[in-house]
C-alpha atoms as a PDB file:
ATOM      1  CA  MET A   1    -106.809 -79.682 248.816  1.00  0.00           C
ATOM      2  CA  THR A   2    -104.622 -82.526 247.554  1.00  0.00           C
ATOM      3  CA  THR A   3    -100.852 -82.318 247.323  1.00  0.00           C
ATOM      4  CA  GLU A   4    -101.149 -82.378 243.538  1.00  0.00           C
ATOM      5  CA  GLU A   5    -103.563 -79.420 243.596  1.00  0.00           C
ATOM      6  CA  LYS A   6    -101.201 -77.508 245.909  1.00  0.00           C
ATOM      7  CA  LEU A   7     -98.291 -78.257 243.579  1.00  0.00           C
ATOM      8  CA  LYS A   8    -100.221 -77.113 240.524  1.00  0.00           C
ATOM      9  CA  GLN A   9    -101.275 -73.919 242.286  1.00  0.00           C
ATOM     10  CA  PHE A  10     -97.673 -73.231 243.318  1.00  0.00           C
ATOM     11  CA  ILE A  11     -96.442 -73.799 239.766  1.00  0.00           C
ATOM     12  CA  LEU A  12     -99.006 -71.270 238.525  1.00  0.00           C
ATOM     13  CA  THR A  13     -97.710 -68.644 240.978  1.00  0.00           C
ATOM     14  CA  LYS A  14     -94.321 -68.855 239.276  1.00  0.00           C
ATOM     15  CA  HIS A  15     -95.288 -69.610 235.659  1.00  0.00           C
ATOM     16  CA  ARG A  16     -98.072 -68.569 233.300  1.00  0.00           C
ATOM     17  CA  SER A  17     -99.099 -72.178 232.782  1.00  0.00           C
ATOM     18  CA  VAL A  18     -98.169 -75.740 233.639  1.00  0.00           C
ATOM     19  CA  LEU A  19     -97.147 -76.189 230.002  1.00  0.00           C
ATOM     20  CA  GLU A  20     -94.701 -73.299 230.278  1.00  0.00           C
ATOM     21  CA  PHE A  21     -93.261 -74.839 233.454  1.00  0.00           C
ATOM     22  CA  THR A  22     -92.830 -78.273 231.899  1.00  0.00           C
ATOM     23  CA  GLN A  23     -91.130 -76.773 228.872  1.00  0.00           C
ATOM     24  CA  SER A  24     -88.771 -74.786 231.110  1.00  0.00           C
ATOM     25  CA  ILE A  25     -87.595 -77.960 232.881  1.00  0.00           C
ATOM     26  CA  GLY A  26     -87.570 -80.197 229.797  1.00  0.00           C
ATOM     27  CA  MET A  27     -90.378 -82.462 230.949  1.00  0.00           C
ATOM     28  CA  PRO A  28     -93.186 -83.614 228.664  1.00  0.00           C
ATOM     29  CA  TYR A  29     -96.507 -82.015 229.574  1.00  0.00           C
ATOM     30  CA  GLY A  30     -98.086 -85.490 229.616  1.00  0.00           C
ATOM     31  CA  THR A  31     -95.709 -86.562 232.376  1.00  0.00           C
ATOM     32  CA  MET A  32     -96.744 -83.627 234.556  1.00  0.00           C
ATOM     33  CA  SER A  33    -100.398 -84.232 233.762  1.00  0.00           C
ATOM     34  CA  SER A  34     -99.949 -87.862 234.774  1.00  0.00           C
ATOM     35  CA  ILE A  35     -98.388 -86.803 238.077  1.00  0.00           C
ATOM     36  CA  PHE A  36    -101.408 -84.621 238.794  1.00  0.00           C
ATOM     37  CA  LYS A  37    -103.809 -87.459 237.929  1.00  0.00           C
ATOM     38  CA  ARG A  38    -102.007 -90.492 239.407  1.00  0.00           C
ATOM     39  CA  GLY A  39    -100.471 -88.735 242.381  1.00  0.00           C
ATOM     40  CA  ILE A  40     -97.027 -87.672 243.436  1.00  0.00           C
ATOM     41  CA  GLU A  41     -96.459 -90.920 245.293  1.00  0.00           C
ATOM     42  CA  ASN A  42     -96.843 -92.821 242.016  1.00  0.00           C
ATOM     43  CA  SER A  43     -94.295 -90.783 240.090  1.00  0.00           C
ATOM     44  CA  SER A  44     -90.588 -91.356 239.654  1.00  0.00           C
ATOM     45  CA  VAL A  45     -88.080 -89.959 242.110  1.00  0.00           C
ATOM     46  CA  THR A  46     -86.230 -88.362 239.209  1.00  0.00           C
ATOM     47  CA  ASN A  47     -89.293 -86.392 238.119  1.00  0.00           C
ATOM     48  CA  ILE A  48     -90.099 -85.241 241.654  1.00  0.00           C
ATOM     49  CA  ILE A  49     -86.523 -84.104 242.214  1.00  0.00           C
ATOM     50  CA  LYS A  50     -86.567 -82.252 238.882  1.00  0.00           C
ATOM     51  CA  ILE A  51     -89.843 -80.503 239.769  1.00  0.00           C
ATOM     52  CA  CYS A  52     -88.777 -79.603 243.315  1.00  0.00           C
ATOM     53  CA  SER A  53     -85.370 -78.344 242.215  1.00  0.00           C
ATOM     54  CA  ALA A  54     -86.914 -76.134 239.542  1.00  0.00           C
ATOM     55  CA  LEU A  55     -89.469 -74.721 241.984  1.00  0.00           C
ATOM     56  CA  GLY A  56     -87.059 -74.429 244.901  1.00  0.00           C
ATOM     57  CA  ILE A  57     -89.233 -76.524 247.209  1.00  0.00           C
ATOM     58  CA  SER A  58     -88.408 -79.288 249.654  1.00  0.00           C
ATOM     59  CA  THR A  59     -88.829 -82.822 248.344  1.00  0.00           C
ATOM     60  CA  ASP A  60     -89.195 -84.115 251.890  1.00  0.00           C
ATOM     61  CA  GLU A  61     -92.027 -81.702 252.625  1.00  0.00           C
ATOM     62  CA  LEU A  62     -93.695 -82.443 249.288  1.00  0.00           C
ATOM     63  CA  ALA A  63     -93.726 -86.130 250.215  1.00  0.00           C
ATOM     64  CA  LYS A  64     -95.646 -85.069 253.350  1.00  0.00           C
ATOM     65  CA  GLY A  65     -98.118 -83.049 251.282  1.00  0.00           C
ATOM     66  CA  ASN A  66     -96.636 -79.613 251.972  1.00  0.00           C
ATOM     67  CA  ILE A  67     -95.205 -77.015 249.619  1.00  0.00           C
ATOM     68  CA  VAL A  68     -92.272 -75.509 251.493  1.00  0.00           C
ATOM     69  CA  PRO A  69     -89.774 -73.307 249.664  1.00  0.00           C
ATOM     70  CA  VAL A  70     -86.131 -74.000 250.369  1.00  0.00           C
ATOM     71  CA  GLU A  71     -84.546 -70.652 251.147  1.00  0.00           C
ATOM     72  CA  LYS A  72     -81.283 -71.629 249.550  1.00  0.00           C
ATOM     73  CA  ALA A  73     -79.830 -74.673 247.885  1.00  0.00           C
ATOM     74  CA  ASP A  74     -78.153 -75.957 251.004  1.00  0.00           C
ATOM     75  CA  SER A  75     -77.301 -79.323 252.419  1.00  0.00           C
ATOM     76  CA  THR A  76     -80.780 -79.703 253.923  1.00  0.00           C
ATOM     77  CA  ALA A  77     -82.172 -79.867 250.399  1.00  0.00           C
ATOM     78  CA  ILE A  78     -79.612 -82.530 249.538  1.00  0.00           C
ATOM     79  CA  GLU A  79     -80.542 -84.500 252.640  1.00  0.00           C
ATOM     80  CA  ASP A  80     -84.217 -84.130 251.672  1.00  0.00           C
ATOM     81  CA  ILE A  81     -83.486 -85.617 248.261  1.00  0.00           C
ATOM     82  CA  PHE A  82     -81.647 -88.589 249.755  1.00  0.00           C
ATOM     83  CA  GLN A  83     -84.425 -89.140 252.325  1.00  0.00           C
ATOM     84  CA  TYR A  84     -87.112 -88.934 249.628  1.00  0.00           C
ATOM     85  CA  ALA A  85     -85.239 -91.397 247.399  1.00  0.00           C
ATOM     86  CA  LYS A  86     -84.845 -93.778 250.327  1.00  0.00           C
ATOM     87  CA  GLN A  87     -88.529 -93.496 251.253  1.00  0.00           C
ATOM     88  CA  LYS A  88     -89.604 -94.016 247.645  1.00  0.00           C
ATOM     89  CA  LEU A  89     -87.363 -97.060 247.219  1.00  0.00           C
ATOM     90  CA  LEU A  90     -88.492 -98.685 250.457  1.00  0.00           C
ATOM     91  CA  SER A  91     -92.179 -98.106 249.701  1.00  0.00           C
ATOM     92  CA  ALA A  92     -92.010 -99.419 246.114  1.00  0.00           C
ATOM     93  CA  LYS A  93     -93.784-102.745 245.639  1.00  0.00           C
ATOM     94  CA  ASN A  94     -91.548-104.162 242.919  1.00  0.00           C
ATOM     95  CA  PRO A  95     -88.699-101.714 242.259  1.00  0.00           C
ATOM     96  CA  THR A  96     -86.812-102.116 239.006  1.00  0.00           C
ATOM     97  CA  LEU A  97     -83.749-100.624 237.394  1.00  0.00           C
ATOM     98  CA  ASP A  98     -84.015-100.302 233.634  1.00  0.00           C
ATOM     99  CA  GLY A  99     -86.891-102.783 233.757  1.00  0.00           C
ATOM    100  CA  ILE A 100     -84.963-105.396 235.736  1.00  0.00           C
ATOM    101  CA  PRO A 101     -86.392-106.260 239.174  1.00  0.00           C
ATOM    102  CA  LEU A 102     -84.094-105.355 242.054  1.00  0.00           C
ATOM    103  CA  HIS A 103     -83.119-108.107 244.487  1.00  0.00           C
ATOM    104  CA  PRO A 104     -83.892-107.204 248.146  1.00  0.00           C
ATOM    105  CA  ASP A 105     -80.151-107.294 248.964  1.00  0.00           C
ATOM    106  CA  ILE A 106     -79.493-104.696 246.261  1.00  0.00           C
ATOM    107  CA  ILE A 107     -82.306-102.513 247.601  1.00  0.00           C
ATOM    108  CA  MET A 108     -80.816-102.638 251.096  1.00  0.00           C
ATOM    109  CA  SER A 109     -77.369-101.807 249.694  1.00  0.00           C
ATOM    110  CA  ILE A 110     -78.815 -98.734 247.993  1.00  0.00           C
ATOM    111  CA  VAL A 111     -80.620 -97.720 251.203  1.00  0.00           C
ATOM    112  CA  ASP A 112     -77.375 -98.172 253.170  1.00  0.00           C
ATOM    113  CA  GLY A 113     -75.592 -96.006 250.598  1.00  0.00           C
ATOM    114  CA  LEU A 114     -78.227 -93.289 250.924  1.00  0.00           C
ATOM    115  CA  ASP A 115     -77.906 -93.408 254.731  1.00  0.00           C
ATOM    116  CA  LEU A 116     -74.149 -93.029 254.367  1.00  0.00           C
ATOM    117  CA  LEU A 117     -74.564 -90.041 252.039  1.00  0.00           C
ATOM    118  CA  ILE A 118     -76.941 -88.416 254.521  1.00  0.00           C
ATOM    119  CA  GLU A 119     -74.418 -88.861 257.338  1.00  0.00           C
ATOM    120  CA  ILE A 120     -71.577 -87.472 255.191  1.00  0.00           C
ATOM    121  CA  GLN A 121     -73.677 -84.408 254.358  1.00  0.00           C
ATOM    122  CA  LYS A 122     -74.511 -83.871 258.050  1.00  0.00           C
ATOM    123  CA  LYS A 123     -70.801 -84.021 258.925  1.00  0.00           C
ATOM    124  CA  LYS A 124     -70.040 -81.469 256.210  1.00  0.00           C
ATOM    125  CA  ASP A 125     -72.656 -79.207 257.801  1.00  0.00           C
ATOM    126  CA  ASP A 126     -71.011 -79.580 261.212  1.00  0.00           C
ATOM    127  CA  VAL A 127     -67.661 -78.466 259.749  1.00  0.00           C
ATOM    128  CA  LYS A 128     -69.234 -75.303 258.267  1.00  0.00           C
END
């Protein structure tokens, strides 16, 4: 079973239909349909984060092909989001921002920023 099929099945355990789910998160049904057809790895980070947050599942695990509920909205979920964004950015062939190609130095600056955010979150966890 593909990751997309697992995701669809999980959505249907929580909602009557995929359409109902997309409406509940303010996403066009066509966007969700496209994700199922083209694959999760070809969708935007924003859409994946929106889907995972609404379903309460780990973005990091979804990127690995697993549907793993996050027991609570804790820092691990935040770290997962940063890791997923970093992975998505580094694996993109020609990343753009508002249609403008990103220079490799800018990409590395963003990745460095994400690494810093991950470390800050880990330190916050240590304090708790």
